[in-house]
Amino acid sequence: MHSMWCTIYQLYEDGQRLPPEIAQANGAYGWLYMHSKLPGTGMPKNQAHLLPEPGAPPGINDVIEALNCCNLVAIDKGSMRLNGSRTYTQSFIRQAWICIPGEKNDAT
């Protein structure tokens, strides 16, 4: 499990790449919580949640929709890129996040 305060910029909407100016205008701030195994059961599942505060239960009050099957693919200039998906029924909908760690005043 990994967690930190950060601002998240979603790079896709409904599987389509957003123009940079749209992605940059819609940052969401919160507590990034990532895990590679389900808490309690230990079943493998890479997932990232943006929570309103540390200790908030994942999946209940997420600031933005969770990133499923997520992988850290890049660290560059103080930011991280996570690739993954949103999953509805059996559909895979591409999603990626740029994560800028730090307190809200530092990230904006």
PDB file of N, CA and C in Angstrom:
ATOM      1  N   MET A   1       0.838  -1.167   0.000  1.00  0.00           N
ATOM      2  CA  MET A   1       0.000   0.000   0.000  1.00  0.00           C
ATOM      3  C   MET A   1       0.889   1.239   0.000  1.00  0.00           C
ATOM      4  N   HIS A   2       0.509   2.211  -0.805  1.00  0.00           N
ATOM      5  CA  HIS A   2       1.208   3.492  -0.875  1.00  0.00           C
ATOM      6  C   HIS A   2       0.161   4.591  -0.784  1.00  0.00           C
ATOM      7  N   SER A   3       0.500   5.697  -0.107  1.00  0.00           N
ATOM      8  CA  SER A   3      -0.462   6.790  -0.012  1.00  0.00           C
ATOM      9  C   SER A   3       0.248   8.120   0.206  1.00  0.00           C
ATOM     10  N   MET A   4      -0.391   9.204  -0.268  1.00  0.00           N
ATOM     11  CA  MET A   4       0.153  10.560  -0.135  1.00  0.00           C
ATOM     12  C   MET A   4      -0.887  11.571  -0.602  1.00  0.00           C
ATOM     13  N   TRP A   5      -0.708  12.829  -0.180  1.00  0.00           N
ATOM     14  CA  TRP A   5      -1.511  13.924  -0.706  1.00  0.00           C
ATOM     15  C   TRP A   5      -1.028  14.238  -2.112  1.00  0.00           C
ATOM     16  N   CYS A   6      -1.952  14.489  -3.031  1.00  0.00           N
ATOM     17  CA  CYS A   6      -1.547  14.867  -4.379  1.00  0.00           C
ATOM     18  C   CYS A   6      -2.716  15.456  -5.165  1.00  0.00           C
ATOM     19  N   THR A   7      -2.368  16.046  -6.289  1.00  0.00           N
ATOM     20  CA  THR A   7      -3.358  16.510  -7.254  1.00  0.00           C
ATOM     21  C   THR A   7      -3.311  15.551  -8.431  1.00  0.00           C
ATOM     22  N   ILE A   8      -4.483  15.094  -8.864  1.00  0.00           N
ATOM     23  CA  ILE A   8      -4.608  14.138  -9.967  1.00  0.00           C
ATOM     24  C   ILE A   8      -5.213  14.842 -11.173  1.00  0.00           C
ATOM     25  N   TYR A   9      -4.606  14.616 -12.324  1.00  0.00           N
ATOM     26  CA  TYR A   9      -5.144  15.099 -13.592  1.00  0.00           C
ATOM     27  C   TYR A   9      -5.494  13.870 -14.425  1.00  0.00           C
ATOM     28  N   GLN A  10      -6.777  13.685 -14.731  1.00  0.00           N
ATOM     29  CA  GLN A  10      -7.206  12.560 -15.559  1.00  0.00           C
ATOM     30  C   GLN A  10      -6.927  12.902 -17.022  1.00  0.00           C
ATOM     31  N   LEU A  11      -6.333  11.959 -17.758  1.00  0.00           N
ATOM     32  CA  LEU A  11      -5.924  12.221 -19.136  1.00  0.00           C
ATOM     33  C   LEU A  11      -6.928  11.752 -20.179  1.00  0.00           C
ATOM     34  N   TYR A  12      -7.935  10.975 -19.761  1.00  0.00           N
ATOM     35  CA  TYR A  12      -8.927  10.450 -20.701  1.00  0.00           C
ATOM     36  C   TYR A  12     -10.334  10.685 -20.172  1.00  0.00           C
ATOM     37  N   GLU A  13     -11.285  10.826 -21.087  1.00  0.00           N
ATOM     38  CA  GLU A  13     -12.700  10.851 -20.738  1.00  0.00           C
ATOM     39  C   GLU A  13     -13.405   9.880 -21.670  1.00  0.00           C
ATOM     40  N   ASP A  14     -14.088   8.903 -21.093  1.00  0.00           N
ATOM     41  CA  ASP A  14     -14.761   7.853 -21.865  1.00  0.00           C
ATOM     42  C   ASP A  14     -13.811   7.181 -22.854  1.00  0.00           C
ATOM     43  N   GLY A  15     -12.564   6.983 -22.443  1.00  0.00           N
ATOM     44  CA  GLY A  15     -11.581   6.290 -23.266  1.00  0.00           C
ATOM     45  C   GLY A  15     -10.897   7.153 -24.308  1.00  0.00           C
ATOM     46  N   GLN A  16     -11.276   8.420 -24.427  1.00  0.00           N
ATOM     47  CA  GLN A  16     -10.693   9.327 -25.421  1.00  0.00           C
ATOM     48  C   GLN A  16      -9.729  10.295 -24.739  1.00  0.00           C
ATOM     49  N   ARG A  17      -8.561  10.471 -25.337  1.00  0.00           N
ATOM     50  CA  ARG A  17      -7.534  11.370 -24.796  1.00  0.00           C
ATOM     51  C   ARG A  17      -8.055  12.805 -24.753  1.00  0.00           C
ATOM     52  N   LEU A  18      -7.892  13.458 -23.603  1.00  0.00           N
ATOM     53  CA  LEU A  18      -8.301  14.853 -23.449  1.00  0.00           C
ATOM     54  C   LEU A  18      -7.208  15.789 -23.959  1.00  0.00           C
ATOM     55  N   PRO A  19      -7.574  16.939 -24.528  1.00  0.00           N
ATOM     56  CA  PRO A  19      -6.555  17.932 -24.867  1.00  0.00           C
ATOM     57  C   PRO A  19      -5.854  18.382 -23.580  1.00  0.00           C
ATOM     58  N   PRO A  20      -4.558  18.680 -23.628  1.00  0.00           N
ATOM     59  CA  PRO A  20      -3.814  19.044 -22.413  1.00  0.00           C
ATOM     60  C   PRO A  20      -4.453  20.176 -21.611  1.00  0.00           C
ATOM     61  N   GLU A  21      -4.987  21.190 -22.293  1.00  0.00           N
ATOM     62  CA  GLU A  21      -5.571  22.320 -21.562  1.00  0.00           C
ATOM     63  C   GLU A  21      -6.822  21.910 -20.777  1.00  0.00           C
ATOM     64  N   ILE A  22      -7.576  20.943 -21.268  1.00  0.00           N
ATOM     65  CA  ILE A  22      -8.763  20.448 -20.548  1.00  0.00           C
ATOM     66  C   ILE A  22      -8.318  19.616 -19.346  1.00  0.00           C
ATOM     67  N   ALA A  23      -7.352  18.725 -19.553  1.00  0.00           N
ATOM     68  CA  ALA A  23      -6.854  17.892 -18.449  1.00  0.00           C
ATOM     69  C   ALA A  23      -6.272  18.770 -17.342  1.00  0.00           C
ATOM     70  N   GLN A  24      -5.494  19.780 -17.703  1.00  0.00           N
ATOM     71  CA  GLN A  24      -4.856  20.652 -16.712  1.00  0.00           C
ATOM     72  C   GLN A  24      -5.863  21.505 -15.953  1.00  0.00           C
ATOM     73  N   ALA A  25      -6.988  21.814 -16.560  1.00  0.00           N
ATOM     74  CA  ALA A  25      -7.999  22.666 -15.916  1.00  0.00           C
ATOM     75  C   ALA A  25      -8.854  21.903 -14.907  1.00  0.00           C
ATOM     76  N   ASN A  26      -8.760  20.581 -14.897  1.00  0.00           N
ATOM     77  CA  ASN A  26      -9.663  19.775 -14.074  1.00  0.00           C
ATOM     78  C   ASN A  26      -8.941  18.892 -13.068  1.00  0.00           C
ATOM     79  N   GLY A  27      -7.937  19.418 -12.402  1.00  0.00           N
ATOM     80  CA  GLY A  27      -7.226  18.656 -11.377  1.00  0.00           C
ATOM     81  C   GLY A  27      -8.097  18.418 -10.153  1.00  0.00           C
ATOM     82  N   ALA A  28      -7.927  17.267  -9.541  1.00  0.00           N
ATOM     83  CA  ALA A  28      -8.659  16.911  -8.314  1.00  0.00           C
ATOM     84  C   ALA A  28      -7.634  16.648  -7.216  1.00  0.00           C
ATOM     85  N   TYR A  29      -7.862  17.209  -6.033  1.00  0.00           N
ATOM     86  CA  TYR A  29      -6.919  17.086  -4.931  1.00  0.00           C
ATOM     87  C   TYR A  29      -7.457  16.120  -3.885  1.00  0.00           C
ATOM     88  N   GLY A  30      -6.572  15.293  -3.339  1.00  0.00           N
ATOM     89  CA  GLY A  30      -6.975  14.381  -2.278  1.00  0.00           C
ATOM     90  C   GLY A  30      -5.830  13.486  -1.843  1.00  0.00           C
ATOM     91  N   TRP A  31      -6.186  12.431  -1.125  1.00  0.00           N
ATOM     92  CA  TRP A  31      -5.250  11.456  -0.570  1.00  0.00           C
ATOM     93  C   TRP A  31      -5.194  10.279  -1.534  1.00  0.00           C
ATOM     94  N   LEU A  32      -4.070  10.135  -2.241  1.00  0.00           N
ATOM     95  CA  LEU A  32      -3.893   9.019  -3.172  1.00  0.00           C
ATOM     96  C   LEU A  32      -3.599   7.763  -2.375  1.00  0.00           C
ATOM     97  N   TYR A  33      -4.382   6.724  -2.603  1.00  0.00           N
ATOM     98  CA  TYR A  33      -4.224   5.443  -1.915  1.00  0.00           C
ATOM     99  C   TYR A  33      -4.130   4.368  -2.987  1.00  0.00           C
ATOM    100  N   MET A  34      -2.997   3.673  -3.038  1.00  0.00           N
ATOM    101  CA  MET A  34      -2.792   2.602  -4.020  1.00  0.00           C
ATOM    102  C   MET A  34      -2.526   1.295  -3.298  1.00  0.00           C
ATOM    103  N   HIS A  35      -3.075   0.225  -3.845  1.00  0.00           N
ATOM    104  CA  HIS A  35      -2.787  -1.093  -3.280  1.00  0.00           C
ATOM    105  C   HIS A  35      -2.682  -2.117  -4.399  1.00  0.00           C
ATOM    106  N   SER A  36      -1.886  -3.153  -4.146  1.00  0.00           N
ATOM    107  CA  SER A  36      -1.720  -4.219  -5.130  1.00  0.00           C
ATOM    108  C   SER A  36      -2.476  -5.476  -4.731  1.00  0.00           C
ATOM    109  N   LYS A  37      -2.981  -5.501  -3.510  1.00  0.00           N
ATOM    110  CA  LYS A  37      -3.782  -6.633  -3.033  1.00  0.00           C
ATOM    111  C   LYS A  37      -4.981  -6.086  -2.277  1.00  0.00           C
ATOM    112  N   LEU A  38      -6.092  -6.776  -2.373  1.00  0.00           N
ATOM    113  CA  LEU A  38      -7.288  -6.349  -1.648  1.00  0.00           C
ATOM    114  C   LEU A  38      -7.053  -6.475  -0.151  1.00  0.00           C
ATOM    115  N   PRO A  39      -7.337  -5.406   0.597  1.00  0.00           N
ATOM    116  CA  PRO A  39      -7.183  -5.493   2.051  1.00  0.00           C
ATOM    117  C   PRO A  39      -8.067  -6.595   2.625  1.00  0.00           C
ATOM    118  N   GLY A  40      -7.532  -7.330   3.559  1.00  0.00           N
ATOM    119  CA  GLY A  40      -8.308  -8.388   4.207  1.00  0.00           C
ATOM    120  C   GLY A  40      -8.170  -9.739   3.543  1.00  0.00           C
ATOM    121  N   THR A  41      -8.319  -9.797   2.210  1.00  0.00           N
ATOM    122  CA  THR A  41      -8.277 -11.091   1.521  1.00  0.00           C
ATOM    123  C   THR A  41      -6.911 -11.400   0.926  1.00  0.00           C
ATOM    124  N   GLY A  42      -6.150 -10.357   0.561  1.00  0.00           N
ATOM    125  CA  GLY A  42      -4.853 -10.574  -0.061  1.00  0.00           C
ATOM    126  C   GLY A  42      -4.932 -10.933  -1.533  1.00  0.00           C
ATOM    127  N   MET A  43      -6.139 -10.912  -2.112  1.00  0.00           N
ATOM    128  CA  MET A  43      -6.287 -11.213  -3.542  1.00  0.00           C
ATOM    129  C   MET A  43      -5.595 -10.119  -4.359  1.00  0.00           C
ATOM    130  N   PRO A  44      -4.874 -10.495  -5.429  1.00  0.00           N
ATOM    131  CA  PRO A  44      -4.179  -9.485  -6.224  1.00  0.00           C
ATOM    132  C   PRO A  44      -5.159  -8.572  -6.963  1.00  0.00           C
ATOM    133  N   LYS A  45      -4.952  -7.270  -6.852  1.00  0.00           N
ATOM    134  CA  LYS A  45      -5.762  -6.295  -7.581  1.00  0.00           C
ATOM    135  C   LYS A  45      -5.096  -4.931  -7.445  1.00  0.00           C
ATOM    136  N   ASN A  46      -4.430  -4.487  -8.514  1.00  0.00           N
ATOM    137  CA  ASN A  46      -3.807  -3.164  -8.510  1.00  0.00           C
ATOM    138  C   ASN A  46      -4.890  -2.121  -8.700  1.00  0.00           C
ATOM    139  N   GLN A  47      -5.006  -1.220  -7.740  1.00  0.00           N
ATOM    140  CA  GLN A  47      -6.049  -0.211  -7.794  1.00  0.00           C
ATOM    141  C   GLN A  47      -5.557   1.067  -7.126  1.00  0.00           C
ATOM    142  N   ALA A  48      -6.006   2.217  -7.643  1.00  0.00           N
ATOM    143  CA  ALA A  48      -5.684   3.516  -7.049  1.00  0.00           C
ATOM    144  C   ALA A  48      -6.979   4.270  -6.789  1.00  0.00           C
ATOM    145  N   HIS A  49      -7.044   4.920  -5.633  1.00  0.00           N
ATOM    146  CA  HIS A  49      -8.208   5.716  -5.240  1.00  0.00           C
ATOM    147  C   HIS A  49      -7.727   7.102  -4.850  1.00  0.00           C
ATOM    148  N   LEU A  50      -8.519   8.124  -5.142  1.00  0.00           N
ATOM    149  CA  LEU A  50      -8.260   9.466  -4.630  1.00  0.00           C
ATOM    150  C   LEU A  50      -9.330   9.738  -3.585  1.00  0.00           C
ATOM    151  N   LEU A  51      -8.905   9.756  -2.330  1.00  0.00           N
ATOM    152  CA  LEU A  51      -9.817   9.873  -1.194  1.00  0.00           C
ATOM    153  C   LEU A  51      -9.822  11.298  -0.648  1.00  0.00           C
ATOM    154  N   PRO A  52     -10.906  11.694   0.031  1.00  0.00           N
ATOM    155  CA  PRO A  52     -10.957  13.047   0.578  1.00  0.00           C
ATOM    156  C   PRO A  52      -9.998  13.265   1.741  1.00  0.00           C
ATOM    157  N   GLU A  53      -9.616  12.185   2.448  1.00  0.00           N
ATOM    158  CA  GLU A  53      -8.721  12.314   3.600  1.00  0.00           C
ATOM    159  C   GLU A  53      -8.094  10.963   3.918  1.00  0.00           C
ATOM    160  N   PRO A  54      -6.958  10.953   4.622  1.00  0.00           N
ATOM    161  CA  PRO A  54      -6.353   9.682   5.027  1.00  0.00           C
ATOM    162  C   PRO A  54      -7.334   8.882   5.878  1.00  0.00           C
ATOM    163  N   GLY A  55      -7.382   7.589   5.657  1.00  0.00           N
ATOM    164  CA  GLY A  55      -8.240   6.710   6.442  1.00  0.00           C
ATOM    165  C   GLY A  55      -9.656   6.585   5.924  1.00  0.00           C
ATOM    166  N   ALA A  56     -10.045   7.387   4.933  1.00  0.00           N
ATOM    167  CA  ALA A  56     -11.387   7.250   4.351  1.00  0.00           C
ATOM    168  C   ALA A  56     -11.469   5.898   3.646  1.00  0.00           C
ATOM    169  N   PRO A  57     -12.610   5.212   3.716  1.00  0.00           N
ATOM    170  CA  PRO A  57     -12.711   3.897   3.086  1.00  0.00           C
ATOM    171  C   PRO A  57     -12.702   3.992   1.559  1.00  0.00           C
ATOM    172  N   PRO A  58     -11.786   3.285   0.898  1.00  0.00           N
ATOM    173  CA  PRO A  58     -11.738   3.306  -0.567  1.00  0.00           C
ATOM    174  C   PRO A  58     -13.041   2.788  -1.167  1.00  0.00           C
ATOM    175  N   GLY A  59     -13.459   3.435  -2.257  1.00  0.00           N
ATOM    176  CA  GLY A  59     -14.643   2.985  -2.974  1.00  0.00           C
ATOM    177  C   GLY A  59     -15.943   3.565  -2.465  1.00  0.00           C
ATOM    178  N   ILE A  60     -15.925   4.267  -1.339  1.00  0.00           N
ATOM    179  CA  ILE A  60     -17.164   4.819  -0.777  1.00  0.00           C
ATOM    180  C   ILE A  60     -17.297   6.299  -1.135  1.00  0.00           C
ATOM    181  N   ASN A  61     -16.306   7.091  -0.773  1.00  0.00           N
ATOM    182  CA  ASN A  61     -16.358   8.537  -1.012  1.00  0.00           C
ATOM    183  C   ASN A  61     -15.188   9.007  -1.867  1.00  0.00           C
ATOM    184  N   ASP A  62     -14.801   8.249  -2.865  1.00  0.00           N
ATOM    185  CA  ASP A  62     -13.677   8.642  -3.710  1.00  0.00           C
ATOM    186  C   ASP A  62     -13.946  10.010  -4.344  1.00  0.00           C
ATOM    187  N   VAL A  63     -12.902  10.839  -4.443  1.00  0.00           N
ATOM    188  CA  VAL A  63     -13.026  12.160  -5.057  1.00  0.00           C
ATOM    189  C   VAL A  63     -13.287  12.016  -6.553  1.00  0.00           C
ATOM    190  N   ILE A  64     -12.588  11.083  -7.194  1.00  0.00           N
ATOM    191  CA  ILE A  64     -12.829  10.728  -8.595  1.00  0.00           C
ATOM    192  C   ILE A  64     -12.910   9.209  -8.671  1.00  0.00           C
ATOM    193  N   GLU A  65     -13.390   8.705  -9.778  1.00  0.00           N
ATOM    194  CA  GLU A  65     -13.552   7.257  -9.935  1.00  0.00           C
ATOM    195  C   GLU A  65     -12.206   6.532  -9.854  1.00  0.00           C
ATOM    196  N   ALA A  66     -12.193   5.391  -9.193  1.00  0.00           N
ATOM    197  CA  ALA A  66     -10.965   4.608  -8.991  1.00  0.00           C
ATOM    198  C   ALA A  66     -10.333   4.206 -10.320  1.00  0.00           C
ATOM    199  N   LEU A  67      -9.014   4.017 -10.276  1.00  0.00           N
ATOM    200  CA  LEU A  67      -8.247   3.538 -11.421  1.00  0.00           C
ATOM    201  C   LEU A  67      -7.956   2.063 -11.184  1.00  0.00           C
ATOM    202  N   ASN A  68      -8.493   1.198 -12.043  1.00  0.00           N
ATOM    203  CA  ASN A  68      -8.320  -0.251 -11.912  1.00  0.00           C
ATOM    204  C   ASN A  68      -7.149  -0.732 -12.755  1.00  0.00           C
ATOM    205  N   CYS A  69      -6.597  -1.883 -12.392  1.00  0.00           N
ATOM    206  CA  CYS A  69      -5.477  -2.490 -13.128  1.00  0.00           C
ATOM    207  C   CYS A  69      -4.378  -1.456 -13.356  1.00  0.00           C
ATOM    208  N   CYS A  70      -4.079  -0.666 -12.322  1.00  0.00           N
ATOM    209  CA  CYS A  70      -3.158   0.461 -12.508  1.00  0.00           C
ATOM    210  C   CYS A  70      -1.699   0.029 -12.386  1.00  0.00           C
ATOM    211  N   ASN A  71      -0.883   0.727 -13.142  1.00  0.00           N
ATOM    212  CA  ASN A  71       0.563   0.524 -13.126  1.00  0.00           C
ATOM    213  C   ASN A  71       1.249   1.874 -13.163  1.00  0.00           C
ATOM    214  N   LEU A  72       2.308   2.014 -12.391  1.00  0.00           N
ATOM    215  CA  LEU A  72       3.148   3.202 -12.452  1.00  0.00           C
ATOM    216  C   LEU A  72       4.023   3.057 -13.689  1.00  0.00           C
ATOM    217  N   VAL A  73       3.885   3.969 -14.645  1.00  0.00           N
ATOM    218  CA  VAL A  73       4.626   3.827 -15.896  1.00  0.00           C
ATOM    219  C   VAL A  73       5.710   4.879 -16.091  1.00  0.00           C
ATOM    220  N   ALA A  74       5.643   5.987 -15.328  1.00  0.00           N
ATOM    221  CA  ALA A  74       6.667   7.022 -15.492  1.00  0.00           C
ATOM    222  C   ALA A  74       6.750   7.901 -14.256  1.00  0.00           C
ATOM    223  N   ILE A  75       7.958   8.333 -13.955  1.00  0.00           N
ATOM    224  CA  ILE A  75       8.209   9.353 -12.943  1.00  0.00           C
ATOM    225  C   ILE A  75       9.066  10.399 -13.640  1.00  0.00           C
ATOM    226  N   ASP A  76       8.572  11.649 -13.683  1.00  0.00           N
ATOM    227  CA  ASP A  76       9.278  12.680 -14.434  1.00  0.00           C
ATOM    228  C   ASP A  76       8.981  14.058 -13.860  1.00  0.00           C
ATOM    229  N   LYS A  77      10.009  14.820 -13.570  1.00  0.00           N
ATOM    230  CA  LYS A  77       9.884  16.214 -13.130  1.00  0.00           C
ATOM    231  C   LYS A  77       8.914  16.385 -11.966  1.00  0.00           C
ATOM    232  N   GLY A  78       9.012  15.520 -10.981  1.00  0.00           N
ATOM    233  CA  GLY A  78       8.183  15.649  -9.788  1.00  0.00           C
ATOM    234  C   GLY A  78       6.773  15.117  -9.913  1.00  0.00           C
ATOM    235  N   SER A  79       6.468  14.424 -10.996  1.00  0.00           N
ATOM    236  CA  SER A  79       5.132  13.848 -11.164  1.00  0.00           C
ATOM    237  C   SER A  79       5.244  12.366 -11.512  1.00  0.00           C
ATOM    238  N   MET A  80       4.114  11.672 -11.389  1.00  0.00           N
ATOM    239  CA  MET A  80       4.043  10.245 -11.734  1.00  0.00           C
ATOM    240  C   MET A  80       2.891  10.047 -12.702  1.00  0.00           C
ATOM    241  N   ARG A  81       3.035   9.080 -13.592  1.00  0.00           N
ATOM    242  CA  ARG A  81       1.929   8.709 -14.476  1.00  0.00           C
ATOM    243  C   ARG A  81       1.489   7.297 -14.130  1.00  0.00           C
ATOM    244  N   LEU A  82       0.188   7.160 -13.892  1.00  0.00           N
ATOM    245  CA  LEU A  82      -0.428   5.859 -13.657  1.00  0.00           C
ATOM    246  C   LEU A  82      -1.340   5.546 -14.829  1.00  0.00           C
ATOM    247  N   ASN A  83      -1.187   4.370 -15.424  1.00  0.00           N
ATOM    248  CA  ASN A  83      -2.087   3.909 -16.477  1.00  0.00           C
ATOM    249  C   ASN A  83      -2.983   2.824 -15.913  1.00  0.00           C
ATOM    250  N   GLY A  84      -4.191   2.744 -16.423  1.00  0.00           N
ATOM    251  CA  GLY A  84      -5.126   1.721 -15.976  1.00  0.00           C
ATOM    252  C   GLY A  84      -6.429   1.826 -16.728  1.00  0.00           C
ATOM    253  N   SER A  85      -7.518   1.522 -16.032  1.00  0.00           N
ATOM    254  CA  SER A  85      -8.820   1.530 -16.691  1.00  0.00           C
ATOM    255  C   SER A  85      -9.927   1.838 -15.707  1.00  0.00           C
ATOM    256  N   ARG A  86     -11.057   2.191 -16.270  1.00  0.00           N
ATOM    257  CA  ARG A  86     -12.323   2.200 -15.553  1.00  0.00           C
ATOM    258  C   ARG A  86     -13.053   0.973 -16.076  1.00  0.00           C
ATOM    259  N   THR A  87     -13.758   0.278 -15.235  1.00  0.00           N
ATOM    260  CA  THR A  87     -14.414  -0.951 -15.671  1.00  0.00           C
ATOM    261  C   THR A  87     -15.909  -0.872 -15.422  1.00  0.00           C
ATOM    262  N   TYR A  88     -16.683  -1.012 -16.474  1.00  0.00           N
ATOM    263  CA  TYR A  88     -18.137  -1.097 -16.377  1.00  0.00           C
ATOM    264  C   TYR A  88     -18.550  -2.425 -16.979  1.00  0.00           C
ATOM    265  N   THR A  89     -19.313  -3.191 -16.233  1.00  0.00           N
ATOM    266  CA  THR A  89     -19.686  -4.552 -16.631  1.00  0.00           C
ATOM    267  C   THR A  89     -18.428  -5.265 -17.106  1.00  0.00           C
ATOM    268  N   GLN A  90     -18.349  -5.611 -18.373  1.00  0.00           N
ATOM    269  CA  GLN A  90     -17.160  -6.311 -18.880  1.00  0.00           C
ATOM    270  C   GLN A  90     -16.321  -5.438 -19.810  1.00  0.00           C
ATOM    271  N   SER A  91     -16.593  -4.140 -19.852  1.00  0.00           N
ATOM    272  CA  SER A  91     -15.874  -3.243 -20.756  1.00  0.00           C
ATOM    273  C   SER A  91     -14.626  -2.667 -20.093  1.00  0.00           C
ATOM    274  N   PHE A  92     -13.577  -2.520 -20.876  1.00  0.00           N
ATOM    275  CA  PHE A  92     -12.329  -1.892 -20.437  1.00  0.00           C
ATOM    276  C   PHE A  92     -12.307  -0.489 -21.031  1.00  0.00           C
ATOM    277  N   ILE A  93     -12.294   0.534 -20.182  1.00  0.00           N
ATOM    278  CA  ILE A  93     -12.259   1.916 -20.647  1.00  0.00           C
ATOM    279  C   ILE A  93     -10.946   2.528 -20.175  1.00  0.00           C
ATOM    280  N   ARG A  94     -10.100   2.865 -21.125  1.00  0.00           N
ATOM    281  CA  ARG A  94      -8.759   3.370 -20.829  1.00  0.00           C
ATOM    282  C   ARG A  94      -8.815   4.641 -19.979  1.00  0.00           C
ATOM    283  N   GLN A  95      -7.883   4.724 -19.014  1.00  0.00           N
ATOM    284  CA  GLN A  95      -7.738   5.918 -18.190  1.00  0.00           C
ATOM    285  C   GLN A  95      -6.270   6.027 -17.779  1.00  0.00           C
ATOM    286  N   ALA A  96      -5.804   7.225 -17.583  1.00  0.00           N
ATOM    287  CA  ALA A  96      -4.451   7.478 -17.075  1.00  0.00           C
ATOM    288  C   ALA A  96      -4.513   8.719 -16.205  1.00  0.00           C
ATOM    289  N   TRP A  97      -3.678   8.732 -15.185  1.00  0.00           N
ATOM    290  CA  TRP A  97      -3.601   9.865 -14.268  1.00  0.00           C
ATOM    291  C   TRP A  97      -2.185  10.409 -14.248  1.00  0.00           C
ATOM    292  N   ILE A  98      -2.066  11.721 -14.193  1.00  0.00           N
ATOM    293  CA  ILE A  98      -0.813  12.368 -13.818  1.00  0.00           C
ATOM    294  C   ILE A  98      -0.991  12.776 -12.364  1.00  0.00           C
ATOM    295  N   CYS A  99      -0.069  12.372 -11.513  1.00  0.00           N
ATOM    296  CA  CYS A  99      -0.148  12.634 -10.073  1.00  0.00           C
ATOM    297  C   CYS A  99       0.988  13.572  -9.686  1.00  0.00           C
ATOM    298  N   ILE A 100       0.640  14.684  -9.055  1.00  0.00           N
ATOM    299  CA  ILE A 100       1.633  15.633  -8.560  1.00  0.00           C
ATOM    300  C   ILE A 100       1.559  15.616  -7.043  1.00  0.00           C
ATOM    301  N   PRO A 101       2.547  14.977  -6.390  1.00  0.00           N
ATOM    302  CA  PRO A 101       2.523  14.875  -4.931  1.00  0.00           C
ATOM    303  C   PRO A 101       2.698  16.231  -4.256  1.00  0.00           C
ATOM    304  N   GLY A 102       2.131  16.343  -3.065  1.00  0.00           N
ATOM    305  CA  GLY A 102       2.331  17.527  -2.242  1.00  0.00           C
ATOM    306  C   GLY A 102       1.042  18.113  -1.729  1.00  0.00           C
ATOM    307  N   GLU A 103       1.199  19.016  -0.772  1.00  0.00           N
ATOM    308  CA  GLU A 103       0.044  19.731  -0.236  1.00  0.00           C
ATOM    309  C   GLU A 103      -0.608  20.536  -1.350  1.00  0.00           C
ATOM    310  N   LYS A 104      -1.863  20.875  -1.174  1.00  0.00           N
ATOM    311  CA  LYS A 104      -2.626  21.548  -2.222  1.00  0.00           C
ATOM    312  C   LYS A 104      -1.953  22.825  -2.710  1.00  0.00           C
ATOM    313  N   ASN A 105      -1.431  23.639  -1.824  1.00  0.00           N
ATOM    314  CA  ASN A 105      -0.783  24.883  -2.232  1.00  0.00           C
ATOM    315  C   ASN A 105       0.473  24.637  -3.057  1.00  0.00           C
ATOM    316  N   ASP A 106       1.163  23.520  -2.805  1.00  0.00           N
ATOM    317  CA  ASP A 106       2.377  23.189  -3.559  1.00  0.00           C
ATOM    318  C   ASP A 106       2.054  22.680  -4.951  1.00  0.00           C
ATOM    319  N   ALA A 107       0.881  22.061  -5.130  1.00  0.00           N
ATOM    320  CA  ALA A 107       0.564  21.375  -6.379  1.00  0.00           C
ATOM    321  C   ALA A 107      -0.162  22.265  -7.374  1.00  0.00           C
ATOM    322  N   THR A 108      -0.662  23.397  -6.950  1.00  0.00           N
ATOM    323  CA  THR A 108      -1.440  24.219  -7.877  1.00  0.00           C
ATOM    324  C   THR A 108      -0.674  25.426  -8.342  1.00  0.00           C
TER     325      THR A 108
END
